[in-house]
Every structure is written in structure tokens, then in C-alpha cells.
Amino acid sequence: MRRGRIAAALVLLAAAGCAGTRGAERDAGPRERDALVGYEWRLVAVESRDSDEDRTPVEPTVYTLELRADGRVLVRADCNRGEGHWKRDGSKLWFPDLVFTQIDCGFESLFEDVAQGLASVEGYAFRDGHLFLLEAGSNELLEYEPAQEDAGDAR
């Protein structure tokens, strides 16, 4: 099941990339195009095609991502906070200047996975109301869901 989700997200990203950035942006409906902005996203898992083990947060509410309309991004990754800017071109998404506080959150923390993952994101896709962020040059995928139940209905 997990590998199927990763494969599906990679296919979505590849298809969006093949359509070209202008075509991908033009063909996306307004809800999909705007779905990144104005929501708080909660981490579901850090997934890898190289491993059968997903890394899931013990407490999902302390792993959030918020992309604001003014181009700022706010991140909570366990006991650390991150801030910077986000940019998008079609299905490509990146965070050029994201910085985090550097507190040691403990053994079970996914802070390093999230911080490194967001620093190397190259694209995104939506599937079943979830946001998938693909890391550049990696088989890693960050999976997020809307933090509010009713936010999933808007996608």
C-alpha cells in the first residue's frame, strides 16, 4: 500500500512535469492551484521507496506546514520552528531560504527528516486530499494532510 502511494505521487509529479510548467498551471483547477495556500498541513509520514518502514510522528500536531499567500512558509517540526519563503512554478515547489531553530527534540523526533526533506523538495502533488512533497535526488516523500477536517473537503 505504502509503495503504491509513493508510486502514485511520483506518477502525478512526472505527469505534471511533462505537461510543462505553463500547461500544468493553466490546466489545474482553481481549487487545486490554490490548495497549497491558506491551510495548515499536518505531517502524516516520511516515506521512502528504499525502505519498507515509514517514519510517522508520535504526535502529528507538532509537525505542521503553512504556505501563506504572501510567499512565506511557517513550519513546526517537533520542538523546532522554521520560517522562510516558498516558490512554485507549475508542479515544482521549493523553499529557497528556510531556516529552523536548532533545539534537540529527543530520540523519536522527526525534526531532522522534516528539515532536510523540506530543504530539498523539488515538487508536489495532491492525492486523496493529501499533499505529497518529493525530495530532489531522493526516494523520500513527505506526506501531509489538512490539519482541519473540513479543509480536506475543499480539495
Foldseek 3Di string as FASTA:
>chain_A
DQVVVLVVWVVQLVVQVVCPLVSLLVPDDPLFNCLQADFKWWWAWKDFPVDPDTQGAPDRVQFIWHQHPVQKIWTGFQPKIKIAGWDDGRFFIAGDDIDMDDDDRDDSTCRVVVVVQRHFWTGWDDDQQWIWTDGPPGRIIIIIHTPDPCSSVSD
